[in-house]
Protein backbone atom coordinates (compact mmCIF):
# COMPACT_ATOMS: atom_id res chain seq x y z
CA GLN A 1 71.79 76.08 108.14
CA VAL A 2 75.45 75.23 108.08
CA GLN A 3 77.33 73.36 110.26
CA LEU A 4 81.16 73.30 109.72
CA VAL A 5 83.88 70.81 111.92
CA GLU A 6 87.49 71.40 111.52
CA SER A 7 90.05 68.73 112.36
CA GLY A 8 94.14 68.40 112.26
CA GLY A 9 95.62 71.16 114.42
CA GLY A 10 97.77 70.49 116.76
CA LEU A 11 102.07 71.41 117.33
CA VAL A 12 104.80 70.90 114.76
CA GLN A 13 108.17 71.81 114.23
CA PRO A 14 109.48 74.55 112.22
CA GLY A 15 109.68 73.30 108.94
CA GLY A 16 107.10 70.12 109.27
CA SER A 17 103.51 69.64 108.04
CA LEU A 18 99.80 69.67 109.34
CA ARG A 19 97.41 68.09 107.01
CA LEU A 20 93.38 70.47 108.48
CA SER A 21 90.18 68.89 107.49
CA CYS A 22 86.88 70.47 107.55
CA ALA A 23 83.66 69.13 106.77
CA ALA A 24 80.43 70.59 105.72
CA SER A 25 77.04 69.57 106.47
CA GLY A 26 73.59 71.59 106.62
CA SER A 27 71.97 73.16 103.73
CA ILE A 28 74.66 73.41 101.05
CA PHE A 29 74.32 74.57 98.14
CA ARG A 30 75.98 73.01 94.73
CA ILE A 31 77.71 76.25 93.85
CA ASN A 32 79.40 77.35 97.31
CA THR A 33 83.21 78.53 98.03
CA MET A 34 85.18 76.87 101.05
CA GLY A 35 88.12 78.45 102.46
CA TRP A 36 90.52 79.11 105.28
CA TYR A 37 91.27 81.86 107.55
CA ARG A 38 93.34 82.53 110.61
CA GLN A 39 94.02 84.35 113.66
CA ALA A 40 97.01 85.00 115.48
CA PRO A 41 96.60 86.19 119.21
CA GLY A 42 96.67 89.80 118.95
CA LYS A 43 95.69 89.99 114.92
CA GLN A 44 92.88 90.52 113.21
CA ARG A 45 91.34 87.30 111.29
CA GLU A 46 92.71 87.10 107.92
CA PHE A 47 92.66 85.28 104.79
CA VAL A 48 94.99 82.20 103.72
CA ALA A 49 92.87 80.53 100.95
CA ASP A 50 90.01 79.59 99.17
CA ILE A 51 88.66 76.59 96.36
CA THR A 52 85.15 77.43 94.38
CA SER A 53 83.50 74.64 93.74
CA GLY A 54 84.36 74.47 90.48
CA GLY A 55 88.08 73.93 91.67
CA SER A 56 89.47 77.51 91.05
CA THR A 57 91.77 78.39 93.92
CA LYS A 58 93.28 81.61 95.96
CA TYR A 59 96.23 81.96 98.24
CA ALA A 60 97.24 84.20 100.27
CA ASP A 61 100.78 85.76 99.24
CA SER A 62 102.29 84.81 102.75
CA VAL A 63 101.66 81.62 101.81
CA LYS A 64 101.79 80.64 98.06
CA GLY A 65 104.11 77.86 97.60
CA ARG A 66 103.62 76.12 100.56
CA PHE A 67 99.85 75.59 101.19
CA THR A 68 97.42 73.58 98.96
CA ILE A 69 94.03 73.47 99.14
CA SER A 70 91.90 70.96 97.71
CA ARG A 71 87.56 69.79 98.11
CA ASP A 72 86.16 67.10 97.97
CA ASN A 73 82.69 68.13 96.78
CA ALA A 74 81.00 64.69 97.54
CA LYS A 75 81.70 65.02 100.83
CA ASN A 76 81.60 68.89 101.16
CA THR A 77 85.28 68.78 102.83
CA VAL A 78 87.45 70.67 101.82
CA PHE A 79 91.69 70.51 103.12
CA LEU A 80 94.45 72.51 104.06
CA GLN A 81 98.09 71.11 103.42
CA MET A 82 100.51 72.81 105.26
CA ASN A 83 104.22 72.23 104.20
CA SER A 84 107.41 73.55 105.11
CA LEU A 85 105.72 75.63 108.07
CA LYS A 86 106.79 79.00 110.02
CA PRO A 87 106.61 80.25 113.32
CA GLU A 88 104.59 83.02 111.84
CA ASP A 89 101.93 80.49 110.66
CA THR A 90 100.83 80.32 114.32
CA ALA A 91 97.20 81.32 114.65
CA VAL A 92 93.63 79.66 115.06
CA TYR A 93 92.70 78.53 111.89
CA TYR A 94 88.99 78.72 110.77
CA CYS A 95 87.24 77.38 107.75
CA ASN A 96 85.21 79.36 106.07
CA LEU A 97 81.70 78.42 103.82
CA PHE A 98 80.01 80.39 101.57
CA ASN A 99 76.61 79.67 99.67
CA SER A 100 76.25 81.83 96.66
CA ALA A 101 72.82 81.09 96.33
CA THR A 102 72.13 82.52 99.66
CA VAL A 103 75.25 85.29 99.65
CA ARG A 104 75.54 83.60 103.10
CA ALA A 105 78.68 82.85 105.06
CA TYR A 106 79.26 80.18 107.75
CA TRP A 107 82.62 79.48 110.14
CA GLY A 108 83.55 76.57 111.90
CA GLN A 109 85.29 76.96 115.52
CA GLY A 110 88.37 76.25 114.48
CA THR A 111 91.40 74.62 114.98
CA GLN A 112 94.96 75.82 116.57
CA VAL A 113 98.25 75.35 115.14
CA THR A 114 101.16 75.83 116.43
CA VAL A 115 105.06 76.12 115.39
CA SER A 116 107.39 76.18 117.82
CA SER A 117 110.77 74.04 118.37
């Protein structure tokens, strides 16, 4: 099993910044992808960004140039630096880990990000 624990959410004004963290523990294989998804009220969960264990990154068009994903493989931790936040970024942000060897995905419990003046 894999456990994911997110932190770093909160309330921020438009134009502000937040940094999310997600620490993974348990049966983590060396080759995996960690990422972030988000779900706003009344909407489906959507992809935000992910990063492979080799460092390759992908971003949703809506966050390109504003969000940066990174990871510390030694600590099995992924980060999401969110800058120039907009009200439409308000959502619950979920951490995801995909183990390539077992073809299994795991989710964190979510952390609320609210962008409002």
